[in-house]
N, C-alpha and C. Protein backbone atom coordinates (compact mmCIF):
# COMPACT_ATOMS: atom_id res chain seq x y z
N UNK A 1 110.28 112.86 81.22
CA UNK A 1 110.18 111.85 80.86
C UNK A 1 108.82 111.48 81.57
N UNK A 2 108.59 112.07 83.08
CA UNK A 2 107.49 111.81 83.77
C UNK A 2 106.01 112.59 83.04
N UNK A 3 106.18 113.19 82.24
CA UNK A 3 104.76 113.28 81.18
C UNK A 3 104.67 112.17 80.36
N UNK A 4 106.05 111.37 79.92
CA UNK A 4 105.65 110.61 79.04
C UNK A 4 105.15 109.18 79.74
N UNK A 5 105.76 108.95 80.82
CA UNK A 5 105.14 107.81 81.69
C UNK A 5 103.56 108.04 82.34
N UNK A 6 103.49 109.28 82.29
CA UNK A 6 101.89 109.65 82.80
C UNK A 6 100.80 109.20 81.75
N UNK A 7 101.37 109.85 80.23
CA UNK A 7 100.24 109.13 79.48
C UNK A 7 100.70 107.90 78.98
N UNK A 8 101.54 107.09 78.92
CA UNK A 8 101.50 106.02 78.79
C UNK A 8 100.70 105.09 80.10
N UNK A 9 100.78 105.60 80.86
CA UNK A 9 99.89 105.00 82.34
C UNK A 9 98.28 105.24 81.88
N UNK A 10 97.95 106.36 81.59
CA UNK A 10 96.34 106.37 81.44
C UNK A 10 96.04 105.53 80.01
N UNK A 11 97.26 105.46 79.14
CA UNK A 11 96.83 104.83 78.04
C UNK A 11 96.54 103.54 78.33
N UNK A 12 97.51 102.63 79.56
CA UNK A 12 97.42 101.36 79.66
C UNK A 12 96.19 101.44 80.54
N UNK A 13 95.72 102.33 81.26
CA UNK A 13 94.82 102.53 82.42
C UNK A 13 93.29 102.05 81.64
N UNK A 14 93.22 102.85 80.42
CA UNK A 14 92.11 102.66 79.36
C UNK A 14 92.29 101.35 79.07
N UNK A 15 92.94 100.69 78.69
CA UNK A 15 93.30 99.29 77.96
C UNK A 15 92.88 98.17 79.07
N UNK A 16 93.15 98.35 79.87
CA UNK A 16 93.20 97.43 80.98
C UNK A 16 91.64 97.52 81.37
N UNK A 17 90.92 98.52 81.88
CA UNK A 17 89.64 98.82 82.35
C UNK A 17 88.84 97.86 81.24
N UNK A 18 89.15 98.25 79.76
CA UNK A 18 88.20 97.83 78.82
C UNK A 18 88.50 96.20 78.83
N UNK A 19 89.47 95.78 78.82
CA UNK A 19 90.02 94.29 79.19
C UNK A 19 89.28 93.77 80.38
N UNK A 20 89.20 94.44 81.46
CA UNK A 20 88.49 94.16 82.83
C UNK A 20 87.12 93.43 82.69
N UNK A 21 86.54 94.82 81.68
CA UNK A 21 85.02 94.48 81.22
C UNK A 21 84.63 93.43 80.24
N UNK A 22 85.88 92.90 79.35
CA UNK A 22 85.81 91.91 78.41
C UNK A 22 85.97 90.54 79.29
N UNK A 23 86.63 90.63 80.62
CA UNK A 23 87.00 89.48 80.93
C UNK A 23 85.69 89.45 81.52
N UNK A 24 85.16 90.32 82.19
CA UNK A 24 83.87 90.10 83.35
C UNK A 24 82.89 89.07 82.20
N UNK A 25 82.35 90.07 81.18
CA UNK A 25 81.46 89.42 80.10
C UNK A 25 82.02 88.02 80.02
N UNK A 26 83.20 87.81 79.51
CA UNK A 26 83.34 86.09 79.18
C UNK A 26 83.30 85.43 80.20
N UNK A 27 83.36 85.75 81.41
CA UNK A 27 83.04 84.76 82.65
C UNK A 27 81.63 84.65 82.54
N UNK A 28 81.14 85.80 82.92
CA UNK A 28 79.58 85.77 82.77
C UNK A 28 79.01 84.67 81.59
N UNK A 29 79.29 84.75 80.18
CA UNK A 29 78.93 84.32 79.37
C UNK A 29 79.27 82.54 79.87
N UNK A 30 80.54 82.13 80.12
CA UNK A 30 80.93 80.88 80.81
C UNK A 30 80.15 79.98 81.47
N UNK A 31 79.66 81.17 82.52
CA UNK A 31 78.88 80.68 83.76
C UNK A 31 77.37 80.48 83.13
N UNK A 32 76.98 81.24 82.47
CA UNK A 32 75.12 81.38 81.60
C UNK A 32 75.44 80.11 81.00
N UNK A 33 76.09 80.09 80.03
CA UNK A 33 76.32 79.22 78.68
C UNK A 33 76.51 77.59 79.34
N UNK A 34 77.00 77.31 80.12
CA UNK A 34 77.39 76.02 80.39
C UNK A 34 76.43 75.31 81.08
N UNK A 35 75.35 74.52 79.91
CA UNK A 35 74.44 73.99 80.42
C UNK A 35 74.98 72.40 80.11
N UNK A 36 76.28 71.94 79.96
CA UNK A 36 76.31 70.40 80.21
C UNK A 36 76.59 69.85 81.50
N UNK A 37 75.51 68.87 81.97
CA UNK A 37 75.48 68.05 83.26
C UNK A 37 76.60 67.26 83.15
N UNK A 38 77.96 67.17 83.25
CA UNK A 38 78.52 66.39 83.03
C UNK A 38 79.12 66.37 84.18
N UNK A 39 79.93 65.69 84.51
CA UNK A 39 80.73 65.33 86.06
C UNK A 39 81.23 66.54 86.60
N UNK A 40 81.98 67.06 85.38
CA UNK A 40 83.10 67.99 85.55
C UNK A 40 82.45 69.40 85.11
N UNK A 41 81.70 70.40 85.72
CA UNK A 41 81.59 71.45 85.07
C UNK A 41 82.92 72.32 84.22
N UNK A 42 82.89 73.12 83.15
CA UNK A 42 83.86 73.59 82.55
C UNK A 42 83.76 74.99 83.03
N UNK A 43 82.37 75.51 82.80
CA UNK A 43 81.93 76.74 83.04
C UNK A 43 82.79 77.52 84.15
N UNK A 44 82.40 77.04 85.53
CA UNK A 44 83.15 77.76 86.86
C UNK A 44 84.50 78.12 86.45
N UNK A 45 85.20 76.74 86.05
CA UNK A 45 86.56 76.77 85.91
C UNK A 45 87.30 77.55 84.92
N UNK A 46 86.44 77.83 83.98
CA UNK A 46 86.68 78.61 83.10
C UNK A 46 86.55 80.36 83.32
N UNK A 47 85.44 80.35 83.91
CA UNK A 47 85.47 81.81 84.71
C UNK A 47 86.38 82.03 85.47
N UNK A 48 86.89 81.30 86.66
CA UNK A 48 87.69 81.61 87.38
C UNK A 48 88.99 81.96 86.95
N UNK A 49 89.27 81.12 85.35
CA UNK A 49 90.54 81.30 84.98
C UNK A 49 90.51 82.79 84.35
N UNK A 50 89.71 83.52 83.85
CA UNK A 50 89.39 84.48 83.18
C UNK A 50 89.40 85.99 84.23
N UNK A 51 88.47 85.25 85.35
CA UNK A 51 88.79 86.26 86.43
C UNK A 51 90.14 86.40 86.83
N UNK A 52 91.17 85.60 86.94
CA UNK A 52 92.42 85.61 87.06
C UNK A 52 93.25 86.51 86.34
N UNK A 53 92.87 86.10 84.77
CA UNK A 53 93.71 86.77 83.80
C UNK A 53 93.34 88.07 83.99
N UNK A 54 92.05 88.72 84.47
CA UNK A 54 91.83 90.09 84.67
C UNK A 54 92.47 90.78 86.04
N UNK A 55 92.62 90.03 86.78
CA UNK A 55 93.09 90.01 88.24
C UNK A 55 94.78 90.51 88.09
N UNK A 56 95.44 89.75 87.40
CA UNK A 56 96.78 89.83 86.88
C UNK A 56 97.28 91.21 86.17
N UNK A 57 96.43 91.49 85.27
CA UNK A 57 96.20 92.50 84.49
C UNK A 57 96.00 93.88 85.56
N UNK A 58 95.12 93.98 86.44
CA UNK A 58 94.20 94.95 87.36
C UNK A 58 96.17 95.21 88.26
N UNK A 59 96.70 94.19 88.37
CA UNK A 59 98.06 93.80 89.34
C UNK A 59 98.76 94.66 89.05
N UNK A 60 99.37 94.53 87.44
CA UNK A 60 100.13 95.19 86.40
C UNK A 60 100.13 96.60 86.52
N UNK A 61 98.72 97.22 86.61
CA UNK A 61 98.36 98.73 86.61
C UNK A 61 98.81 99.00 87.80
N UNK A 62 98.47 98.53 89.07
CA UNK A 62 98.82 99.07 89.93
C UNK A 62 100.44 98.76 90.50
N UNK A 63 100.91 98.17 89.97
CA UNK A 63 102.37 97.89 90.16
C UNK A 63 103.25 99.13 89.28
N UNK A 64 102.38 99.07 88.15
CA UNK A 64 102.68 100.54 87.09
C UNK A 64 102.76 101.84 87.96
N UNK A 65 101.50 102.12 88.49
CA UNK A 65 101.01 103.19 89.38
C UNK A 65 102.19 103.36 90.51
N UNK A 66 102.54 102.42 91.00
CA UNK A 66 103.60 102.64 92.31
C UNK A 66 104.95 102.98 91.47
N UNK A 67 105.19 102.38 90.43
CA UNK A 67 106.53 102.87 89.86
C UNK A 67 106.34 104.63 89.35
N UNK A 68 105.53 104.75 89.24
CA UNK A 68 105.32 106.38 88.54
C UNK A 68 105.57 107.20 89.47
N UNK A 69 104.64 107.02 91.06
CA UNK A 69 104.70 107.76 92.03
C UNK A 69 106.01 107.70 92.63
N UNK A 70 106.45 106.52 92.99
CA UNK A 70 108.18 106.39 93.52
C UNK A 70 109.28 107.18 92.40
N UNK A 71 109.03 107.30 91.21
CA UNK A 71 109.65 107.80 90.23
C UNK A 71 109.39 109.65 90.57
N UNK A 72 108.12 109.80 90.69
CA UNK A 72 108.07 111.16 91.51
C UNK A 72 108.80 111.62 92.49
N UNK A 73 108.58 110.91 93.46
CA UNK A 73 109.00 111.30 94.43
C UNK A 73 110.60 111.36 94.61
N UNK A 74 111.41 110.51 93.62
CA UNK A 74 112.86 110.85 93.35
C UNK A 74 113.13 112.08 92.64
N UNK A 75 112.21 112.41 91.54
CA UNK A 75 112.80 113.51 91.30
C UNK A 75 112.48 114.66 92.39
N UNK A 76 111.72 114.58 93.01
CA UNK A 76 111.62 115.54 93.68
C UNK A 76 113.02 115.81 94.65
N UNK A 77 113.42 114.77 95.32
CA UNK A 77 114.24 114.62 95.89
C UNK A 77 115.48 114.37 95.32
N UNK A 78 115.76 114.77 93.99
CA UNK A 78 116.48 114.93 93.15
C UNK A 78 116.72 116.56 93.13
N UNK A 79 115.63 117.14 93.06
CA UNK A 79 115.43 118.76 92.88
C UNK A 79 115.98 118.98 94.10
N UNK A 80 115.51 118.62 95.35
CA UNK A 80 116.13 119.09 96.75
C UNK A 80 117.20 119.20 96.72
N UNK A 81 118.40 118.17 96.59
CA UNK A 81 119.60 117.90 96.71
C UNK A 81 120.28 119.08 95.59
N UNK A 82 119.71 119.20 94.71
CA UNK A 82 120.17 119.97 93.65
C UNK A 82 120.20 121.38 94.10
N UNK A 83 119.54 121.88 94.74
CA UNK A 83 118.80 123.23 95.43
C UNK A 83 119.88 123.58 96.63
N UNK A 84 120.26 122.18 97.33
CA UNK A 84 121.01 122.42 98.70
C UNK A 84 122.40 122.56 98.20
N UNK A 85 122.54 121.84 96.98
CA UNK A 85 123.98 121.90 96.73
C UNK A 85 124.48 123.23 95.95
N UNK A 86 123.39 123.91 95.24
CA UNK A 86 123.44 125.06 94.83
C UNK A 86 123.73 126.37 95.99
N UNK A 87 122.86 126.23 96.73
CA UNK A 87 122.94 126.89 98.20
C UNK A 87 124.53 126.78 98.91
N UNK A 88 124.65 125.52 98.77
CA UNK A 88 125.70 125.52 99.38
C UNK A 88 127.23 126.13 98.67
N UNK A 89 126.97 126.05 97.43
CA UNK A 89 128.42 126.69 96.68
C UNK A 89 128.11 128.07 97.00
N UNK A 90 126.66 128.84 96.68
CA UNK A 90 126.36 130.06 97.10
C UNK A 90 127.10 130.67 98.34
N UNK A 91 126.91 129.90 99.16
CA UNK A 91 127.64 130.36 100.52
C UNK A 91 128.93 130.18 100.67
N UNK A 92 129.40 128.94 99.68
CA UNK A 92 131.17 129.09 99.59
C UNK A 92 131.70 130.08 98.55
N UNK A 93 130.71 130.84 97.90
CA UNK A 93 131.33 131.71 96.95
C UNK A 93 131.50 133.12 97.43
N UNK A 94 130.71 133.24 98.74
CA UNK A 94 130.57 134.31 99.23
C UNK A 94 131.47 134.87 99.96
N UNK A 95 132.27 133.56 100.72
CA UNK A 95 133.01 133.78 101.43
C UNK A 95 134.84 134.27 100.74
């Protein structure tokens, strides 16, 4: 189960890295190509929106990484509890 989660995390990480590069490229395009001298420029607003989209995806990646780390720690604690129970069972059976 951990191996599958790690593989899915790596796949998602690559996808988000590519997505972040695309968001930055789109934001640069919005800022660079906004040549309209209107009263409300749309380029900076659209660039901020794409940066926010990219940051939300990065935040999801961080949350998933923390979830996988927490799952690893829970599995380690479960193994330790199982070892303690088996050791306790062995001590009882010797008596």
